[in-house]
Amino acid sequence: MSYLDGNMNLLKKQIFLGHQIIGDKLWRDNIKLVNAGDIKGAKVIMGKLQQTVGIFNYLNYGELRPYMDAAWAQVAKGMEYADKHMPELKGILAIWKEFEPAFYSNMVKVAQDNFLSRISQIAAKYPLGGSVSNDAVTKMIYEYEQLKKAVDQIAFKL
């Protein structure tokens, strides 16, 4: 269950699976739109980057944390039960305790790497900043400057 809207939930799934937050085709198509002055391209690219930060803000939200901790405790309890009472699953608790932190650590690394990669590509593509004649580029550069400060929010602690 998730309280994230559909687009953010899909992006969360992509991150959990280790996929790019902005695929190469989506990137190329929207950069072309930006270069042509179409603000929709900037909105798509920056929206994905903003949603990435938003997903981790959601996962780290203090008021939700007790409920998430309780859910994780239930999963661990289930693993402990299976470890004790199902001979074919003996050792599953130790595996789970090793897997879960590694999984979340990898999820953060994938998200940060993808985020920083796209941020760097924006900086490289437009090294002189925006253009008076292209509002889409100017908007994207402005958003980029704001978002690059948020990379530390892409973090998660169990």
N, C-alpha and C. Protein backbone atom coordinates (compact mmCIF):
# COMPACT_ATOMS: atom_id res chain seq x y z
N MET A 1 0.85 -1.18 0.00
CA MET A 1 0.00 0.00 0.00
C MET A 1 0.89 1.23 0.00
N SER A 2 0.43 2.25 -0.68
CA SER A 2 1.18 3.48 -0.75
C SER A 2 0.23 4.66 -0.80
N TYR A 3 0.62 5.74 -0.16
CA TYR A 3 -0.18 6.96 -0.21
C TYR A 3 0.37 7.94 -1.25
N LEU A 4 1.34 7.51 -2.02
CA LEU A 4 1.88 8.34 -3.09
C LEU A 4 0.92 8.34 -4.26
N ASP A 5 0.89 9.45 -5.01
CA ASP A 5 0.05 9.45 -6.21
C ASP A 5 0.61 8.48 -7.23
N GLY A 6 -0.16 8.18 -8.24
CA GLY A 6 0.20 7.15 -9.22
C GLY A 6 1.56 7.33 -9.86
N ASN A 7 1.87 8.56 -10.32
CA ASN A 7 3.16 8.79 -10.97
C ASN A 7 4.33 8.59 -10.02
N MET A 8 4.19 9.09 -8.80
CA MET A 8 5.27 8.93 -7.82
C MET A 8 5.41 7.47 -7.41
N ASN A 9 4.30 6.78 -7.30
CA ASN A 9 4.35 5.37 -6.92
C ASN A 9 5.06 4.56 -8.01
N LEU A 10 4.79 4.88 -9.25
CA LEU A 10 5.47 4.21 -10.36
C LEU A 10 6.96 4.51 -10.34
N LEU A 11 7.32 5.75 -10.08
CA LEU A 11 8.73 6.12 -9.99
C LEU A 11 9.40 5.41 -8.82
N LYS A 12 8.69 5.31 -7.70
CA LYS A 12 9.23 4.58 -6.54
C LYS A 12 9.51 3.13 -6.93
N LYS A 13 8.60 2.53 -7.67
CA LYS A 13 8.80 1.16 -8.13
C LYS A 13 10.05 1.07 -9.01
N GLN A 14 10.22 2.03 -9.93
CA GLN A 14 11.40 2.03 -10.80
C GLN A 14 12.68 2.11 -9.97
N ILE A 15 12.68 2.97 -8.96
CA ILE A 15 13.85 3.11 -8.09
C ILE A 15 14.09 1.82 -7.33
N PHE A 16 13.03 1.24 -6.77
CA PHE A 16 13.17 -0.02 -6.01
C PHE A 16 13.73 -1.13 -6.89
N LEU A 17 13.37 -1.12 -8.18
CA LEU A 17 13.84 -2.15 -9.10
C LEU A 17 15.23 -1.83 -9.68
N GLY A 18 15.76 -0.65 -9.35
CA GLY A 18 17.09 -0.28 -9.82
C GLY A 18 17.11 0.33 -11.21
N HIS A 19 15.96 0.79 -11.69
CA HIS A 19 15.87 1.38 -13.02
C HIS A 19 16.16 2.87 -12.98
N GLN A 20 16.42 3.44 -14.15
CA GLN A 20 16.65 4.88 -14.27
C GLN A 20 15.38 5.65 -13.92
N ILE A 21 15.56 6.83 -13.33
CA ILE A 21 14.40 7.66 -13.02
C ILE A 21 13.90 8.40 -14.26
N ILE A 22 14.81 8.67 -15.17
CA ILE A 22 14.43 9.24 -16.47
C ILE A 22 15.17 8.42 -17.52
N GLY A 23 14.43 7.59 -18.23
CA GLY A 23 15.05 6.76 -19.26
C GLY A 23 15.64 7.59 -20.39
N ASP A 24 16.54 7.00 -21.12
CA ASP A 24 17.26 7.71 -22.18
C ASP A 24 16.32 8.28 -23.25
N LYS A 25 15.34 7.51 -23.67
CA LYS A 25 14.40 8.00 -24.70
C LYS A 25 13.57 9.16 -24.16
N LEU A 26 13.06 9.02 -22.96
CA LEU A 26 12.28 10.10 -22.36
C LEU A 26 13.14 11.36 -22.21
N TRP A 27 14.40 11.16 -21.81
CA TRP A 27 15.34 12.28 -21.68
C TRP A 27 15.53 12.98 -23.04
N ARG A 28 15.89 12.20 -24.06
CA ARG A 28 16.16 12.79 -25.38
C ARG A 28 14.93 13.51 -25.93
N ASP A 29 13.78 12.85 -25.83
CA ASP A 29 12.55 13.45 -26.36
C ASP A 29 12.23 14.78 -25.68
N ASN A 30 12.42 14.83 -24.38
CA ASN A 30 12.06 16.05 -23.65
C ASN A 30 13.13 17.13 -23.76
N ILE A 31 14.38 16.77 -23.90
CA ILE A 31 15.43 17.77 -24.16
C ILE A 31 15.18 18.43 -25.51
N LYS A 32 14.73 17.64 -26.50
CA LYS A 32 14.39 18.22 -27.81
C LYS A 32 13.27 19.25 -27.65
N LEU A 33 12.26 18.92 -26.84
CA LEU A 33 11.17 19.86 -26.59
C LEU A 33 11.69 21.13 -25.93
N VAL A 34 12.56 20.97 -24.93
CA VAL A 34 13.13 22.12 -24.23
C VAL A 34 13.90 23.00 -25.22
N ASN A 35 14.73 22.37 -26.02
CA ASN A 35 15.52 23.12 -27.00
C ASN A 35 14.64 23.87 -28.00
N ALA A 36 13.47 23.30 -28.27
CA ALA A 36 12.53 23.94 -29.20
C ALA A 36 11.68 25.01 -28.49
N GLY A 37 11.90 25.17 -27.17
CA GLY A 37 11.17 26.19 -26.43
C GLY A 37 9.87 25.71 -25.81
N ASP A 38 9.62 24.39 -25.85
CA ASP A 38 8.39 23.83 -25.30
C ASP A 38 8.59 23.54 -23.81
N ILE A 39 7.86 24.25 -22.97
CA ILE A 39 7.99 24.14 -21.52
C ILE A 39 7.59 22.75 -21.01
N LYS A 40 6.78 22.02 -21.80
CA LYS A 40 6.36 20.67 -21.37
C LYS A 40 7.56 19.76 -21.15
N GLY A 41 8.57 19.88 -21.98
CA GLY A 41 9.77 19.06 -21.83
C GLY A 41 10.47 19.32 -20.51
N ALA A 42 10.60 20.59 -20.15
CA ALA A 42 11.23 20.96 -18.87
C ALA A 42 10.40 20.44 -17.71
N LYS A 43 9.08 20.53 -17.83
CA LYS A 43 8.21 20.07 -16.75
C LYS A 43 8.34 18.56 -16.54
N VAL A 44 8.45 17.81 -17.62
CA VAL A 44 8.60 16.36 -17.48
C VAL A 44 9.92 16.02 -16.80
N ILE A 45 11.00 16.59 -17.29
CA ILE A 45 12.32 16.28 -16.73
C ILE A 45 12.41 16.72 -15.28
N MET A 46 12.06 17.95 -15.00
CA MET A 46 12.18 18.45 -13.64
C MET A 46 11.16 17.78 -12.72
N GLY A 47 10.01 17.44 -13.27
CA GLY A 47 9.01 16.72 -12.48
C GLY A 47 9.53 15.38 -11.97
N LYS A 48 10.20 14.64 -12.84
CA LYS A 48 10.77 13.35 -12.42
C LYS A 48 11.83 13.54 -11.34
N LEU A 49 12.65 14.56 -11.49
CA LEU A 49 13.68 14.83 -10.49
C LEU A 49 13.05 15.27 -9.16
N GLN A 50 12.03 16.12 -9.25
CA GLN A 50 11.32 16.56 -8.04
C GLN A 50 10.63 15.38 -7.35
N GLN A 51 10.03 14.52 -8.14
CA GLN A 51 9.35 13.35 -7.57
C GLN A 51 10.34 12.43 -6.87
N THR A 52 11.54 12.32 -7.40
CA THR A 52 12.55 11.48 -6.76
C THR A 52 12.82 11.98 -5.35
N VAL A 53 13.03 13.27 -5.22
CA VAL A 53 13.25 13.85 -3.89
C VAL A 53 11.99 13.64 -3.04
N GLY A 54 10.83 13.85 -3.62
CA GLY A 54 9.57 13.68 -2.90
C GLY A 54 9.36 12.28 -2.35
N ILE A 55 9.77 11.28 -3.09
CA ILE A 55 9.63 9.89 -2.62
C ILE A 55 10.41 9.69 -1.33
N PHE A 56 11.62 10.21 -1.29
CA PHE A 56 12.44 10.04 -0.09
C PHE A 56 11.95 10.94 1.05
N ASN A 57 11.38 12.09 0.73
CA ASN A 57 10.76 12.90 1.78
C ASN A 57 9.59 12.14 2.40
N TYR A 58 8.83 11.44 1.57
CA TYR A 58 7.72 10.61 2.05
C TYR A 58 8.24 9.47 2.92
N LEU A 59 9.26 8.76 2.44
CA LEU A 59 9.78 7.63 3.21
C LEU A 59 10.40 8.06 4.55
N ASN A 60 10.89 9.29 4.61
CA ASN A 60 11.53 9.80 5.81
C ASN A 60 10.62 10.68 6.66
N TYR A 61 9.37 10.81 6.26
CA TYR A 61 8.44 11.69 6.97
C TYR A 61 8.23 11.21 8.40
N GLY A 62 8.54 12.07 9.36
CA GLY A 62 8.53 11.70 10.78
C GLY A 62 7.23 11.13 11.29
N GLU A 63 6.10 11.67 10.86
CA GLU A 63 4.82 11.20 11.38
C GLU A 63 4.43 9.84 10.82
N LEU A 64 4.97 9.48 9.67
CA LEU A 64 4.68 8.15 9.10
C LEU A 64 5.64 7.09 9.63
N ARG A 65 6.78 7.52 10.11
CA ARG A 65 7.84 6.58 10.49
C ARG A 65 7.39 5.51 11.50
N PRO A 66 6.64 5.85 12.55
CA PRO A 66 6.22 4.80 13.48
C PRO A 66 5.42 3.69 12.80
N TYR A 67 4.60 4.07 11.83
CA TYR A 67 3.78 3.08 11.13
C TYR A 67 4.65 2.22 10.20
N MET A 68 5.62 2.86 9.57
CA MET A 68 6.52 2.10 8.71
C MET A 68 7.39 1.16 9.56
N ASP A 69 7.86 1.66 10.69
CA ASP A 69 8.65 0.81 11.59
C ASP A 69 7.83 -0.38 12.07
N ALA A 70 6.56 -0.15 12.37
CA ALA A 70 5.68 -1.24 12.81
C ALA A 70 5.49 -2.27 11.69
N ALA A 71 5.35 -1.79 10.46
CA ALA A 71 5.20 -2.71 9.32
C ALA A 71 6.46 -3.53 9.13
N TRP A 72 7.65 -2.88 9.22
CA TRP A 72 8.90 -3.61 9.09
C TRP A 72 9.08 -4.62 10.22
N ALA A 73 8.63 -4.25 11.42
CA ALA A 73 8.72 -5.17 12.56
C ALA A 73 7.85 -6.40 12.32
N GLN A 74 6.69 -6.19 11.71
CA GLN A 74 5.80 -7.32 11.40
C GLN A 74 6.44 -8.26 10.37
N VAL A 75 7.09 -7.68 9.38
CA VAL A 75 7.77 -8.50 8.38
C VAL A 75 8.89 -9.30 9.05
N ALA A 76 9.67 -8.65 9.89
CA ALA A 76 10.76 -9.33 10.59
C ALA A 76 10.21 -10.43 11.50
N LYS A 77 9.09 -10.15 12.14
CA LYS A 77 8.45 -11.16 13.00
C LYS A 77 8.01 -12.37 12.17
N GLY A 78 7.47 -12.11 10.99
CA GLY A 78 7.09 -13.19 10.09
C GLY A 78 8.30 -14.01 9.65
N MET A 79 9.40 -13.33 9.38
CA MET A 79 10.64 -14.02 9.00
C MET A 79 11.16 -14.86 10.17
N GLU A 80 11.07 -14.31 11.36
CA GLU A 80 11.50 -15.05 12.55
C GLU A 80 10.65 -16.31 12.76
N TYR A 81 9.34 -16.16 12.58
CA TYR A 81 8.43 -17.30 12.70
C TYR A 81 8.79 -18.38 11.67
N ALA A 82 8.97 -17.96 10.44
CA ALA A 82 9.32 -18.91 9.38
C ALA A 82 10.65 -19.58 9.67
N ASP A 83 11.60 -18.85 10.17
CA ASP A 83 12.92 -19.38 10.50
C ASP A 83 12.83 -20.46 11.58
N LYS A 84 11.96 -20.22 12.57
CA LYS A 84 11.83 -21.16 13.70
C LYS A 84 10.96 -22.36 13.39
N HIS A 85 9.90 -22.17 12.63
CA HIS A 85 8.87 -23.20 12.50
C HIS A 85 8.76 -23.87 11.14
N MET A 86 9.54 -23.42 10.19
CA MET A 86 9.49 -24.02 8.85
C MET A 86 10.90 -24.47 8.50
N PRO A 87 11.16 -25.75 8.64
CA PRO A 87 12.52 -26.23 8.42
C PRO A 87 13.10 -25.87 7.04
N GLU A 88 12.25 -25.84 6.03
CA GLU A 88 12.74 -25.51 4.69
C GLU A 88 13.15 -24.04 4.56
N LEU A 89 12.76 -23.22 5.53
CA LEU A 89 13.12 -21.81 5.51
C LEU A 89 14.11 -21.44 6.63
N LYS A 90 14.73 -22.44 7.20
CA LYS A 90 15.73 -22.19 8.24
C LYS A 90 16.81 -21.28 7.69
N GLY A 91 17.12 -20.24 8.41
CA GLY A 91 18.12 -19.29 7.98
C GLY A 91 17.55 -18.06 7.29
N ILE A 92 16.25 -18.05 7.04
CA ILE A 92 15.64 -16.92 6.32
C ILE A 92 15.75 -15.61 7.10
N LEU A 93 15.71 -15.69 8.44
CA LEU A 93 15.81 -14.47 9.24
C LEU A 93 17.18 -13.82 9.07
N ALA A 94 18.23 -14.60 9.11
CA ALA A 94 19.58 -14.06 8.92
C ALA A 94 19.73 -13.46 7.52
N ILE A 95 19.16 -14.14 6.55
CA ILE A 95 19.21 -13.63 5.17
C ILE A 95 18.46 -12.31 5.09
N TRP A 96 17.28 -12.24 5.70
CA TRP A 96 16.48 -11.03 5.67
C TRP A 96 17.21 -9.87 6.34
N LYS A 97 17.82 -10.13 7.49
CA LYS A 97 18.53 -9.07 8.22
C LYS A 97 19.72 -8.54 7.43
N GLU A 98 20.29 -9.37 6.59
CA GLU A 98 21.38 -8.91 5.73
C GLU A 98 20.84 -8.21 4.48
N PHE A 99 19.75 -8.76 3.93
CA PHE A 99 19.19 -8.25 2.68
C PHE A 99 18.56 -6.87 2.84
N GLU A 100 17.72 -6.69 3.85
CA GLU A 100 16.91 -5.47 3.94
C GLU A 100 17.75 -4.19 3.98
N PRO A 101 18.75 -4.06 4.86
CA PRO A 101 19.54 -2.83 4.83
C PRO A 101 20.31 -2.64 3.51
N ALA A 102 20.78 -3.74 2.95
CA ALA A 102 21.50 -3.66 1.67
C ALA A 102 20.55 -3.21 0.56
N PHE A 103 19.31 -3.68 0.60
CA PHE A 103 18.32 -3.29 -0.40
C PHE A 103 18.07 -1.79 -0.36
N TYR A 104 17.81 -1.26 0.83
CA TYR A 104 17.53 0.17 0.94
C TYR A 104 18.75 1.01 0.63
N SER A 105 19.91 0.55 1.00
CA SER A 105 21.15 1.26 0.67
C SER A 105 21.33 1.32 -0.85
N ASN A 106 21.06 0.22 -1.52
CA ASN A 106 21.16 0.19 -2.99
C ASN A 106 20.11 1.10 -3.62
N MET A 107 18.91 1.11 -3.07
CA MET A 107 17.84 1.96 -3.59
C MET A 107 18.26 3.43 -3.53
N VAL A 108 18.85 3.84 -2.42
CA VAL A 108 19.33 5.23 -2.27
C VAL A 108 20.44 5.51 -3.28
N LYS A 109 21.36 4.57 -3.41
CA LYS A 109 22.48 4.76 -4.35
C LYS A 109 21.98 4.90 -5.79
N VAL A 110 21.06 4.04 -6.19
CA VAL A 110 20.50 4.11 -7.54
C VAL A 110 19.82 5.46 -7.77
N ALA A 111 19.01 5.88 -6.81
CA ALA A 111 18.29 7.15 -6.96
C ALA A 111 19.26 8.33 -7.00
N GLN A 112 20.23 8.34 -6.09
CA GLN A 112 21.20 9.43 -6.07
C GLN A 112 22.03 9.46 -7.36
N ASP A 113 22.49 8.30 -7.79
CA ASP A 113 23.31 8.25 -9.01
C ASP A 113 22.53 8.75 -10.23
N ASN A 114 21.28 8.29 -10.36
CA ASN A 114 20.45 8.74 -11.49
C ASN A 114 20.16 10.23 -11.40
N PHE A 115 19.82 10.69 -10.22
CA PHE A 115 19.52 12.10 -10.00
C PHE A 115 20.73 12.96 -10.36
N LEU A 116 21.88 12.61 -9.80
CA LEU A 116 23.09 13.39 -10.05
C LEU A 116 23.53 13.32 -11.51
N SER A 117 23.32 12.19 -12.14
CA SER A 117 23.67 12.05 -13.55
C SER A 117 22.86 13.01 -14.40
N ARG A 118 21.55 13.05 -14.18
CA ARG A 118 20.70 13.94 -14.97
C ARG A 118 20.96 15.41 -14.63
N ILE A 119 21.22 15.70 -13.37
CA ILE A 119 21.55 17.08 -12.98
C ILE A 119 22.84 17.51 -13.69
N SER A 120 23.83 16.62 -13.72
CA SER A 120 25.10 16.92 -14.39
C SER A 120 24.91 17.11 -15.89
N GLN A 121 24.03 16.30 -16.48
CA GLN A 121 23.77 16.44 -17.91
C GLN A 121 23.10 17.77 -18.24
N ILE A 122 22.25 18.24 -17.35
CA ILE A 122 21.62 19.55 -17.56
C ILE A 122 22.69 20.64 -17.52
N ALA A 123 23.58 20.55 -16.51
CA ALA A 123 24.66 21.55 -16.38
C ALA A 123 25.56 21.53 -17.61
N ALA A 124 25.87 20.34 -18.11
CA ALA A 124 26.75 20.23 -19.28
C ALA A 124 26.06 20.71 -20.55
N LYS A 125 24.77 20.47 -20.65
CA LYS A 125 24.03 20.84 -21.86
C LYS A 125 23.87 22.36 -21.97
N TYR A 126 23.72 23.01 -20.82
CA TYR A 126 23.47 24.45 -20.81
C TYR A 126 24.48 25.13 -19.87
N PRO A 127 25.78 25.10 -20.23
CA PRO A 127 26.80 25.63 -19.32
C PRO A 127 26.71 27.14 -19.07
N LEU A 128 26.08 27.85 -19.98
CA LEU A 128 25.97 29.30 -19.81
C LEU A 128 24.63 29.72 -19.22
N GLY A 129 23.84 28.74 -18.82
CA GLY A 129 22.54 29.04 -18.23
C GLY A 129 21.46 29.16 -19.28
N GLY A 130 20.41 29.86 -18.90
CA GLY A 130 19.25 29.99 -19.77
C GLY A 130 19.43 31.00 -20.88
N SER A 131 18.36 31.23 -21.55
CA SER A 131 18.36 32.15 -22.69
C SER A 131 17.12 33.00 -22.61
N VAL A 132 17.27 34.27 -22.91
CA VAL A 132 16.12 35.17 -22.91
C VAL A 132 15.10 34.71 -23.94
N SER A 133 15.58 34.11 -25.01
CA SER A 133 14.68 33.70 -26.09
C SER A 133 14.08 32.31 -25.89
N ASN A 134 14.50 31.57 -24.83
CA ASN A 134 13.96 30.24 -24.62
C ASN A 134 13.57 30.07 -23.15
N ASP A 135 12.30 30.31 -22.88
CA ASP A 135 11.79 30.21 -21.51
C ASP A 135 11.91 28.80 -20.95
N ALA A 136 11.80 27.78 -21.80
CA ALA A 136 11.88 26.40 -21.33
C ALA A 136 13.26 26.11 -20.74
N VAL A 137 14.30 26.55 -21.43
CA VAL A 137 15.66 26.35 -20.92
C VAL A 137 15.85 27.14 -19.63
N THR A 138 15.40 28.38 -19.61
CA THR A 138 15.54 29.22 -18.42
C THR A 138 14.84 28.59 -17.22
N LYS A 139 13.64 28.09 -17.42
CA LYS A 139 12.89 27.44 -16.33
C LYS A 139 13.63 26.20 -15.85
N MET A 140 14.12 25.40 -16.78
CA MET A 140 14.81 24.19 -16.39
C MET A 140 16.09 24.50 -15.62
N ILE A 141 16.82 25.51 -16.04
CA ILE A 141 18.04 25.90 -15.33
C ILE A 141 17.71 26.39 -13.93
N TYR A 142 16.66 27.17 -13.79
CA TYR A 142 16.24 27.65 -12.47
C TYR A 142 15.89 26.47 -11.57
N GLU A 143 15.08 25.56 -12.07
CA GLU A 143 14.68 24.38 -11.28
C GLU A 143 15.89 23.51 -10.94
N TYR A 144 16.78 23.36 -11.89
CA TYR A 144 17.99 22.58 -11.69
C TYR A 144 18.80 23.16 -10.52
N GLU A 145 18.95 24.48 -10.51
CA GLU A 145 19.72 25.13 -9.43
C GLU A 145 19.09 24.87 -8.07
N GLN A 146 17.77 24.84 -8.02
CA GLN A 146 17.08 24.55 -6.76
C GLN A 146 17.22 23.08 -6.38
N LEU A 147 17.04 22.20 -7.35
CA LEU A 147 17.05 20.77 -7.07
C LEU A 147 18.41 20.22 -6.69
N LYS A 148 19.47 20.77 -7.24
CA LYS A 148 20.78 20.21 -6.92
C LYS A 148 21.11 20.38 -5.44
N LYS A 149 20.42 21.29 -4.76
CA LYS A 149 20.60 21.46 -3.32
C LYS A 149 19.87 20.36 -2.52
N ALA A 150 18.99 19.64 -3.18
CA ALA A 150 18.15 18.65 -2.48
C ALA A 150 18.70 17.23 -2.53
N VAL A 151 19.87 17.03 -3.12
CA VAL A 151 20.38 15.67 -3.28
C VAL A 151 20.55 14.95 -1.94
N ASP A 152 20.86 15.69 -0.88
CA ASP A 152 21.02 15.06 0.43
C ASP A 152 19.70 14.53 0.99
N GLN A 153 18.60 14.97 0.44
CA GLN A 153 17.31 14.45 0.88
C GLN A 153 17.03 13.06 0.32
N ILE A 154 17.81 12.65 -0.66
CA ILE A 154 17.68 11.29 -1.20
C ILE A 154 18.50 10.38 -0.29
N ALA A 155 17.89 10.01 0.81
CA ALA A 155 18.54 9.20 1.83
C ALA A 155 17.48 8.40 2.56
N PHE A 156 17.90 7.33 3.21
CA PHE A 156 16.93 6.54 3.96
C PHE A 156 17.67 5.70 5.00
N LYS A 157 17.17 5.74 6.20
CA LYS A 157 17.74 4.94 7.29
C LYS A 157 16.65 4.01 7.82
N LEU A 158 17.03 2.76 8.00
CA LEU A 158 16.08 1.81 8.61
C LEU A 158 15.98 2.07 10.08
